[in-house]
Amino acid sequence: MEASNYVKFCTKFYENLYRRRRNDLSVVQILSNIYASVGNKKCSLRMDRRCVHLDPFNPLAHYNLACDLSLNGKVNEAIGTLKAAFALGYDDLQWLCDDVDLDPIRHHSKFKTLIKSRFFRTSSK
């Protein structure tokens, strides 16, 4: 099966599965990843919002949502969601620095302030 046909097949399969199992977190996550892999930013955003709804204390779900928000030009919401991911325990600084999904907000002053306050705290004596 050709790669593009395989992606179409997977998309249809998981969309149909999602219609029957809207509360199945694994189905929602896979569908989000499929949409992200083909550049469907709006659908990926919708699925990652659903992931956060289904698993509100999952730091990675919040991080992924922040990435989608960034890619969709929602700067303030992306930064706020990233802050929530940090509060829930997200701490992968290396991935955060390398993740191109955050490029649209990376140079924003609120983003820089958030990163500095989270990862580069100075100790006072």
C-alpha atoms as a PDB file:
ATOM      1  CA  MET A   1       0.000   0.000   0.000  1.00  0.00           C
ATOM      2  CA  GLU A   2       1.342   3.420  -0.975  1.00  0.00           C
ATOM      3  CA  ALA A   3       2.234   5.697   1.964  1.00  0.00           C
ATOM      4  CA  SER A   4      -0.381   8.347   1.174  1.00  0.00           C
ATOM      5  CA  ASN A   5      -3.071   5.680   0.815  1.00  0.00           C
ATOM      6  CA  TYR A   6      -2.002   4.186   4.130  1.00  0.00           C
ATOM      7  CA  VAL A   7      -2.319   7.576   5.869  1.00  0.00           C
ATOM      8  CA  LYS A   8      -5.760   8.063   4.325  1.00  0.00           C
ATOM      9  CA  PHE A   9      -6.791   4.591   5.450  1.00  0.00           C
ATOM     10  CA  CYS A  10      -5.547   5.225   9.019  1.00  0.00           C
ATOM     11  CA  THR A  11      -7.246   8.611   9.142  1.00  0.00           C
ATOM     12  CA  LYS A  12     -10.600   7.180   8.064  1.00  0.00           C
ATOM     13  CA  PHE A  13     -10.218   4.193  10.376  1.00  0.00           C
ATOM     14  CA  TYR A  14      -9.504   6.312  13.464  1.00  0.00           C
ATOM     15  CA  GLU A  15     -12.106   8.936  12.592  1.00  0.00           C
ATOM     16  CA  ASN A  16     -14.719   6.170  12.438  1.00  0.00           C
ATOM     17  CA  LEU A  17     -13.428   4.665  15.659  1.00  0.00           C
ATOM     18  CA  TYR A  18     -13.521   8.096  17.304  1.00  0.00           C
ATOM     19  CA  ARG A  19     -17.203   8.484  16.371  1.00  0.00           C
ATOM     20  CA  ARG A  20     -17.915   5.354  18.421  1.00  0.00           C
ATOM     21  CA  ARG A  21     -15.356   5.868  21.199  1.00  0.00           C
ATOM     22  CA  ARG A  22     -15.078   9.606  21.853  1.00  0.00           C
ATOM     23  CA  ASN A  23     -13.843   9.016  25.403  1.00  0.00           C
ATOM     24  CA  ASP A  24     -11.092   6.574  24.466  1.00  0.00           C
ATOM     25  CA  LEU A  25      -7.932   8.532  25.171  1.00  0.00           C
ATOM     26  CA  SER A  26      -5.693   6.302  23.062  1.00  0.00           C
ATOM     27  CA  VAL A  27      -7.933   6.770  20.007  1.00  0.00           C
ATOM     28  CA  VAL A  28      -7.920  10.550  20.497  1.00  0.00           C
ATOM     29  CA  GLN A  29      -4.123  10.624  20.873  1.00  0.00           C
ATOM     30  CA  ILE A  30      -3.549   8.541  17.756  1.00  0.00           C
ATOM     31  CA  LEU A  31      -5.934  10.683  15.735  1.00  0.00           C
ATOM     32  CA  SER A  32      -4.169  13.815  16.961  1.00  0.00           C
ATOM     33  CA  ASN A  33      -0.815  12.365  15.883  1.00  0.00           C
ATOM     34  CA  ILE A  34      -2.183  11.451  12.460  1.00  0.00           C
ATOM     35  CA  TYR A  35      -3.549  14.954  11.941  1.00  0.00           C
ATOM     36  CA  ALA A  36      -0.270  16.503  13.097  1.00  0.00           C
ATOM     37  CA  SER A  37       1.757  14.267  10.775  1.00  0.00           C
ATOM     38  CA  VAL A  38      -0.181  15.473   7.728  1.00  0.00           C
ATOM     39  CA  GLY A  39      -0.154  19.125   8.806  1.00  0.00           C
ATOM     40  CA  ASN A  40      -3.832  19.357   9.711  1.00  0.00           C
ATOM     41  CA  LYS A  41      -3.263  21.875  12.517  1.00  0.00           C
ATOM     42  CA  LYS A  42      -6.894  22.625  13.316  1.00  0.00           C
ATOM     43  CA  CYS A  43      -7.932  18.997  13.683  1.00  0.00           C
ATOM     44  CA  SER A  44      -4.834  18.188  15.709  1.00  0.00           C
ATOM     45  CA  LEU A  45      -5.674  21.117  17.989  1.00  0.00           C
ATOM     46  CA  ARG A  46      -9.234  19.840  18.398  1.00  0.00           C
ATOM     47  CA  MET A  47      -8.004  16.354  19.334  1.00  0.00           C
ATOM     48  CA  ASP A  48      -5.409  17.655  21.789  1.00  0.00           C
ATOM     49  CA  ARG A  49      -8.053  19.804  23.464  1.00  0.00           C
ATOM     50  CA  ARG A  50     -10.023  16.587  23.807  1.00  0.00           C
ATOM     51  CA  CYS A  51      -6.973  14.816  25.282  1.00  0.00           C
ATOM     52  CA  VAL A  52      -6.667  17.493  27.967  1.00  0.00           C
ATOM     53  CA  HIS A  53     -10.393  17.223  28.649  1.00  0.00           C
ATOM     54  CA  LEU A  54     -10.130  13.439  29.070  1.00  0.00           C
ATOM     55  CA  ASP A  55      -6.861  13.500  31.046  1.00  0.00           C
ATOM     56  CA  PRO A  56      -6.620  16.940  32.695  1.00  0.00           C
ATOM     57  CA  PHE A  57      -3.691  16.076  34.977  1.00  0.00           C
ATOM     58  CA  ASN A  58      -1.418  14.744  32.244  1.00  0.00           C
ATOM     59  CA  PRO A  59       1.491  17.162  31.708  1.00  0.00           C
ATOM     60  CA  LEU A  60       2.290  15.753  28.255  1.00  0.00           C
ATOM     61  CA  ALA A  61      -1.295  16.293  27.102  1.00  0.00           C
ATOM     62  CA  HIS A  62      -0.993  19.945  28.120  1.00  0.00           C
ATOM     63  CA  TYR A  63       2.402  20.230  26.442  1.00  0.00           C
ATOM     64  CA  ASN A  64       1.048  18.792  23.180  1.00  0.00           C
ATOM     65  CA  LEU A  65      -1.905  21.174  23.346  1.00  0.00           C
ATOM     66  CA  ALA A  66       0.497  24.094  23.867  1.00  0.00           C
ATOM     67  CA  CYS A  67       2.357  23.027  20.723  1.00  0.00           C
ATOM     68  CA  ASP A  68      -0.876  22.926  18.709  1.00  0.00           C
ATOM     69  CA  LEU A  69      -1.902  26.312  20.046  1.00  0.00           C
ATOM     70  CA  SER A  70       1.496  27.694  19.069  1.00  0.00           C
ATOM     71  CA  LEU A  71       1.183  26.305  15.538  1.00  0.00           C
ATOM     72  CA  ASN A  72      -2.305  27.807  15.271  1.00  0.00           C
ATOM     73  CA  GLY A  73      -1.100  31.291  16.270  1.00  0.00           C
ATOM     74  CA  LYS A  74      -2.761  31.331  19.690  1.00  0.00           C
ATOM     75  CA  VAL A  75       0.220  32.806  21.543  1.00  0.00           C
ATOM     76  CA  ASN A  76      -1.257  33.669  24.931  1.00  0.00           C
ATOM     77  CA  GLU A  77      -3.243  30.455  25.189  1.00  0.00           C
ATOM     78  CA  ALA A  78      -0.169  28.428  24.165  1.00  0.00           C
ATOM     79  CA  ILE A  79       1.961  30.046  26.846  1.00  0.00           C
ATOM     80  CA  GLY A  80      -0.756  29.593  29.479  1.00  0.00           C
ATOM     81  CA  THR A  81      -1.147  25.929  28.545  1.00  0.00           C
ATOM     82  CA  LEU A  82       2.617  25.438  28.652  1.00  0.00           C
ATOM     83  CA  LYS A  83       2.593  26.961  32.127  1.00  0.00           C
ATOM     84  CA  ALA A  84      -0.076  24.406  33.114  1.00  0.00           C
ATOM     85  CA  ALA A  85       2.106  21.599  31.714  1.00  0.00           C
ATOM     86  CA  PHE A  86       4.983  22.802  33.893  1.00  0.00           C
ATOM     87  CA  ALA A  87       2.729  22.999  36.954  1.00  0.00           C
ATOM     88  CA  LEU A  88       1.723  19.380  36.337  1.00  0.00           C
ATOM     89  CA  GLY A  89       5.351  18.282  36.116  1.00  0.00           C
ATOM     90  CA  TYR A  90       6.494  18.634  32.510  1.00  0.00           C
ATOM     91  CA  ASP A  91      10.250  19.135  32.711  1.00  0.00           C
ATOM     92  CA  ASP A  92      11.926  18.044  29.460  1.00  0.00           C
ATOM     93  CA  LEU A  93      14.004  21.144  28.769  1.00  0.00           C
ATOM     94  CA  GLN A  94      15.969  19.532  25.925  1.00  0.00           C
ATOM     95  CA  TRP A  95      12.813  18.599  23.999  1.00  0.00           C
ATOM     96  CA  LEU A  96      11.305  22.008  24.733  1.00  0.00           C
ATOM     97  CA  CYS A  97      14.382  23.691  23.225  1.00  0.00           C
ATOM     98  CA  ASP A  98      14.401  21.467  20.126  1.00  0.00           C
ATOM     99  CA  ASP A  99      10.656  21.281  19.435  1.00  0.00           C
ATOM    100  CA  VAL A 100       9.917  23.230  16.253  1.00  0.00           C
ATOM    101  CA  ASP A 101       6.212  23.320  17.134  1.00  0.00           C
ATOM    102  CA  LEU A 102       7.057  26.040  19.651  1.00  0.00           C
ATOM    103  CA  ASP A 103       8.999  28.162  17.139  1.00  0.00           C
ATOM    104  CA  PRO A 104       6.026  30.500  16.543  1.00  0.00           C
ATOM    105  CA  ILE A 105       6.100  31.560  20.225  1.00  0.00           C
ATOM    106  CA  ARG A 106       9.768  31.013  21.075  1.00  0.00           C
ATOM    107  CA  HIS A 107      10.763  34.680  20.722  1.00  0.00           C
ATOM    108  CA  HIS A 108       7.761  36.044  22.583  1.00  0.00           C
ATOM    109  CA  SER A 109       8.732  37.801  25.824  1.00  0.00           C
ATOM    110  CA  LYS A 110       6.122  35.865  27.861  1.00  0.00           C
ATOM    111  CA  PHE A 111       7.560  32.584  26.599  1.00  0.00           C
ATOM    112  CA  LYS A 112      11.108  33.608  27.510  1.00  0.00           C
ATOM    113  CA  THR A 113      10.001  34.742  30.949  1.00  0.00           C
ATOM    114  CA  LEU A 114       8.154  31.466  31.546  1.00  0.00           C
ATOM    115  CA  ILE A 115      11.148  29.359  30.521  1.00  0.00           C
ATOM    116  CA  LYS A 116      13.555  31.375  32.647  1.00  0.00           C
ATOM    117  CA  SER A 117      11.303  31.186  35.699  1.00  0.00           C
ATOM    118  CA  ARG A 118      10.773  27.437  35.274  1.00  0.00           C
ATOM    119  CA  PHE A 119      14.242  26.207  34.367  1.00  0.00           C
ATOM    120  CA  PHE A 120      16.711  28.927  35.234  1.00  0.00           C
ATOM    121  CA  ARG A 121      15.833  30.028  38.740  1.00  0.00           C
ATOM    122  CA  THR A 122      18.628  31.606  40.653  1.00  0.00           C
ATOM    123  CA  SER A 123      19.103  30.561  44.219  1.00  0.00           C
ATOM    124  CA  SER A 124      19.215  33.283  46.800  1.00  0.00           C
ATOM    125  CA  LYS A 125      21.364  33.039  49.897  1.00  0.00           C
END
